[in-house]
Amino acid sequence: MAKASVENTARYRWMVLSRLIAGFIAGYLVASLFAIVLALLLPLISDTSQAEALLIATMWSFVLYAVIVIWAFTTRSALRAWLGLLGGTALLGAAWFLLRQLTG
């Protein structure tokens, strides 16, 4: 019984560490990509200057980053958190690539 308890404790700690890395490191990547995409997109869809678009995108990325960190710890599993963040990274990366092609 004691060995099973130690294995469960170690597994739990690894899952918490995985969520911590997912939330803080991968979340930072997603929030950064979001800021880049929004900063490139705003001048195209509104009369916002590039400087204003950058400030707006940066402020919204802070909000998104906080939400991502909270979300990483509230998902059912660490795998789900990782898959969600990798999917978000892929979508935002593709959007960044397309916007760079448009803005030249």
C-alpha atoms as a PDB file:
ATOM      1  CA  MET A   1       0.000   0.000   0.000  1.00  0.00           C
ATOM      2  CA  ALA A   2       2.759   2.448   0.848  1.00  0.00           C
ATOM      3  CA  LYS A   3       4.454   1.992  -2.526  1.00  0.00           C
ATOM      4  CA  ALA A   4       1.222   2.747  -4.399  1.00  0.00           C
ATOM      5  CA  SER A   5       0.783   5.902  -2.361  1.00  0.00           C
ATOM      6  CA  VAL A   6       4.301   7.080  -3.188  1.00  0.00           C
ATOM      7  CA  GLU A   7       3.731   6.367  -6.901  1.00  0.00           C
ATOM      8  CA  ASN A   8       0.453   8.291  -6.854  1.00  0.00           C
ATOM      9  CA  THR A   9       2.123  11.215  -5.108  1.00  0.00           C
ATOM     10  CA  ALA A  10       4.973  11.271  -7.644  1.00  0.00           C
ATOM     11  CA  ARG A  11       2.515  11.038 -10.548  1.00  0.00           C
ATOM     12  CA  TYR A  12       0.456  13.881  -9.105  1.00  0.00           C
ATOM     13  CA  ARG A  13       3.532  16.074  -8.725  1.00  0.00           C
ATOM     14  CA  TRP A  14       4.620  15.418 -12.322  1.00  0.00           C
ATOM     15  CA  MET A  15       1.154  16.336 -13.562  1.00  0.00           C
ATOM     16  CA  VAL A  16       1.241  19.580 -11.579  1.00  0.00           C
ATOM     17  CA  LEU A  17       4.683  20.360 -12.992  1.00  0.00           C
ATOM     18  CA  SER A  18       3.422  19.629 -16.501  1.00  0.00           C
ATOM     19  CA  ARG A  19       0.473  21.995 -16.023  1.00  0.00           C
ATOM     20  CA  LEU A  20       2.818  24.617 -14.596  1.00  0.00           C
ATOM     21  CA  ILE A  21       5.068  24.430 -17.644  1.00  0.00           C
ATOM     22  CA  ALA A  22       2.076  24.356 -19.985  1.00  0.00           C
ATOM     23  CA  GLY A  23       0.444  27.349 -18.355  1.00  0.00           C
ATOM     24  CA  PHE A  24       3.449  29.567 -17.917  1.00  0.00           C
ATOM     25  CA  ILE A  25       5.737  28.678 -20.823  1.00  0.00           C
ATOM     26  CA  ALA A  26       3.365  27.493 -23.558  1.00  0.00           C
ATOM     27  CA  GLY A  27       0.837  30.082 -22.373  1.00  0.00           C
ATOM     28  CA  TYR A  28       3.438  32.787 -22.872  1.00  0.00           C
ATOM     29  CA  LEU A  29       4.010  31.548 -26.414  1.00  0.00           C
ATOM     30  CA  VAL A  30       0.289  31.605 -27.213  1.00  0.00           C
ATOM     31  CA  ALA A  31      -0.167  35.065 -25.678  1.00  0.00           C
ATOM     32  CA  SER A  32       2.831  36.386 -27.624  1.00  0.00           C
ATOM     33  CA  LEU A  33       1.532  34.996 -30.894  1.00  0.00           C
ATOM     34  CA  PHE A  34      -1.879  36.472 -30.114  1.00  0.00           C
ATOM     35  CA  ALA A  35      -0.294  39.896 -29.583  1.00  0.00           C
ATOM     36  CA  ILE A  36       1.586  39.640 -32.872  1.00  0.00           C
ATOM     37  CA  VAL A  37      -1.484  38.571 -34.843  1.00  0.00           C
ATOM     38  CA  LEU A  38      -3.721  41.212 -33.289  1.00  0.00           C
ATOM     39  CA  ALA A  39      -1.118  43.943 -33.813  1.00  0.00           C
ATOM     40  CA  LEU A  40      -0.906  43.019 -37.496  1.00  0.00           C
ATOM     41  CA  LEU A  41      -4.654  42.586 -37.925  1.00  0.00           C
ATOM     42  CA  LEU A  42      -5.990  45.750 -36.277  1.00  0.00           C
ATOM     43  CA  PRO A  43      -4.559  48.252 -38.791  1.00  0.00           C
ATOM     44  CA  LEU A  44      -6.005  46.158 -41.612  1.00  0.00           C
ATOM     45  CA  ILE A  45      -9.568  46.038 -40.288  1.00  0.00           C
ATOM     46  CA  SER A  46      -9.830  49.461 -38.640  1.00  0.00           C
ATOM     47  CA  ASP A  47      -8.305  52.925 -38.802  1.00  0.00           C
ATOM     48  CA  THR A  48      -5.976  52.128 -35.905  1.00  0.00           C
ATOM     49  CA  SER A  49      -2.366  53.205 -36.239  1.00  0.00           C
ATOM     50  CA  GLN A  50       0.390  50.632 -35.855  1.00  0.00           C
ATOM     51  CA  ALA A  51       1.437  52.059 -32.494  1.00  0.00           C
ATOM     52  CA  GLU A  52      -2.102  51.948 -31.112  1.00  0.00           C
ATOM     53  CA  ALA A  53      -2.589  48.437 -32.481  1.00  0.00           C
ATOM     54  CA  LEU A  54       0.571  47.295 -30.722  1.00  0.00           C
ATOM     55  CA  LEU A  55      -0.556  48.780 -27.407  1.00  0.00           C
ATOM     56  CA  ILE A  56      -4.037  47.284 -27.683  1.00  0.00           C
ATOM     57  CA  ALA A  57      -2.658  43.875 -28.649  1.00  0.00           C
ATOM     58  CA  THR A  58      -0.185  43.899 -25.779  1.00  0.00           C
ATOM     59  CA  MET A  59      -2.862  44.763 -23.221  1.00  0.00           C
ATOM     60  CA  TRP A  60      -5.163  41.997 -24.490  1.00  0.00           C
ATOM     61  CA  SER A  61      -2.296  39.499 -24.470  1.00  0.00           C
ATOM     62  CA  PHE A  62      -1.842  40.059 -20.724  1.00  0.00           C
ATOM     63  CA  VAL A  63      -5.500  39.202 -20.193  1.00  0.00           C
ATOM     64  CA  LEU A  64      -5.222  36.132 -22.405  1.00  0.00           C
ATOM     65  CA  TYR A  65      -2.072  34.976 -20.597  1.00  0.00           C
ATOM     66  CA  ALA A  66      -3.810  35.108 -17.220  1.00  0.00           C
ATOM     67  CA  VAL A  67      -6.779  33.183 -18.611  1.00  0.00           C
ATOM     68  CA  ILE A  68      -4.476  30.549 -20.118  1.00  0.00           C
ATOM     69  CA  VAL A  69      -2.633  29.989 -16.841  1.00  0.00           C
ATOM     70  CA  ILE A  70      -5.921  29.568 -14.977  1.00  0.00           C
ATOM     71  CA  TRP A  71      -7.282  27.305 -17.711  1.00  0.00           C
ATOM     72  CA  ALA A  72      -4.188  25.058 -17.640  1.00  0.00           C
ATOM     73  CA  PHE A  73      -4.930  24.229 -14.011  1.00  0.00           C
ATOM     74  CA  THR A  74      -8.684  23.754 -14.431  1.00  0.00           C
ATOM     75  CA  THR A  75      -8.681  21.298 -17.342  1.00  0.00           C
ATOM     76  CA  ARG A  76      -9.417  17.641 -16.648  1.00  0.00           C
ATOM     77  CA  SER A  77      -5.916  16.516 -17.530  1.00  0.00           C
ATOM     78  CA  ALA A  78      -2.505  17.907 -18.288  1.00  0.00           C
ATOM     79  CA  LEU A  79      -2.693  16.299 -21.722  1.00  0.00           C
ATOM     80  CA  ARG A  80      -5.818  18.297 -22.533  1.00  0.00           C
ATOM     81  CA  ALA A  81      -4.045  21.497 -21.475  1.00  0.00           C
ATOM     82  CA  TRP A  82      -1.079  20.687 -23.704  1.00  0.00           C
ATOM     83  CA  LEU A  83      -3.260  19.782 -26.669  1.00  0.00           C
ATOM     84  CA  GLY A  84      -5.266  22.981 -26.319  1.00  0.00           C
ATOM     85  CA  LEU A  85      -2.157  25.115 -26.134  1.00  0.00           C
ATOM     86  CA  LEU A  86      -0.498  23.348 -29.059  1.00  0.00           C
ATOM     87  CA  GLY A  87      -3.662  23.797 -31.114  1.00  0.00           C
ATOM     88  CA  GLY A  88      -3.788  27.489 -30.229  1.00  0.00           C
ATOM     89  CA  THR A  89      -0.133  27.862 -31.124  1.00  0.00           C
ATOM     90  CA  ALA A  90      -0.700  26.206 -34.498  1.00  0.00           C
ATOM     91  CA  LEU A  91      -3.712  28.385 -35.330  1.00  0.00           C
ATOM     92  CA  LEU A  92      -2.043  31.616 -34.296  1.00  0.00           C
ATOM     93  CA  GLY A  93       1.177  30.637 -36.073  1.00  0.00           C
ATOM     94  CA  ALA A  94      -0.752  30.024 -39.286  1.00  0.00           C
ATOM     95  CA  ALA A  95      -2.578  33.344 -38.875  1.00  0.00           C
ATOM     96  CA  TRP A  96       0.750  35.124 -38.355  1.00  0.00           C
ATOM     97  CA  PHE A  97       2.152  33.511 -41.494  1.00  0.00           C
ATOM     98  CA  LEU A  98      -0.864  34.579 -43.556  1.00  0.00           C
ATOM     99  CA  LEU A  99      -0.861  38.120 -42.189  1.00  0.00           C
ATOM    100  CA  ARG A 100       2.827  38.497 -42.962  1.00  0.00           C
ATOM    101  CA  GLN A 101       2.092  37.492 -46.543  1.00  0.00           C
ATOM    102  CA  LEU A 102      -0.694  40.097 -46.744  1.00  0.00           C
ATOM    103  CA  THR A 103       1.256  42.940 -45.150  1.00  0.00           C
ATOM    104  CA  GLY A 104       4.352  42.082 -47.077  1.00  0.00           C
END
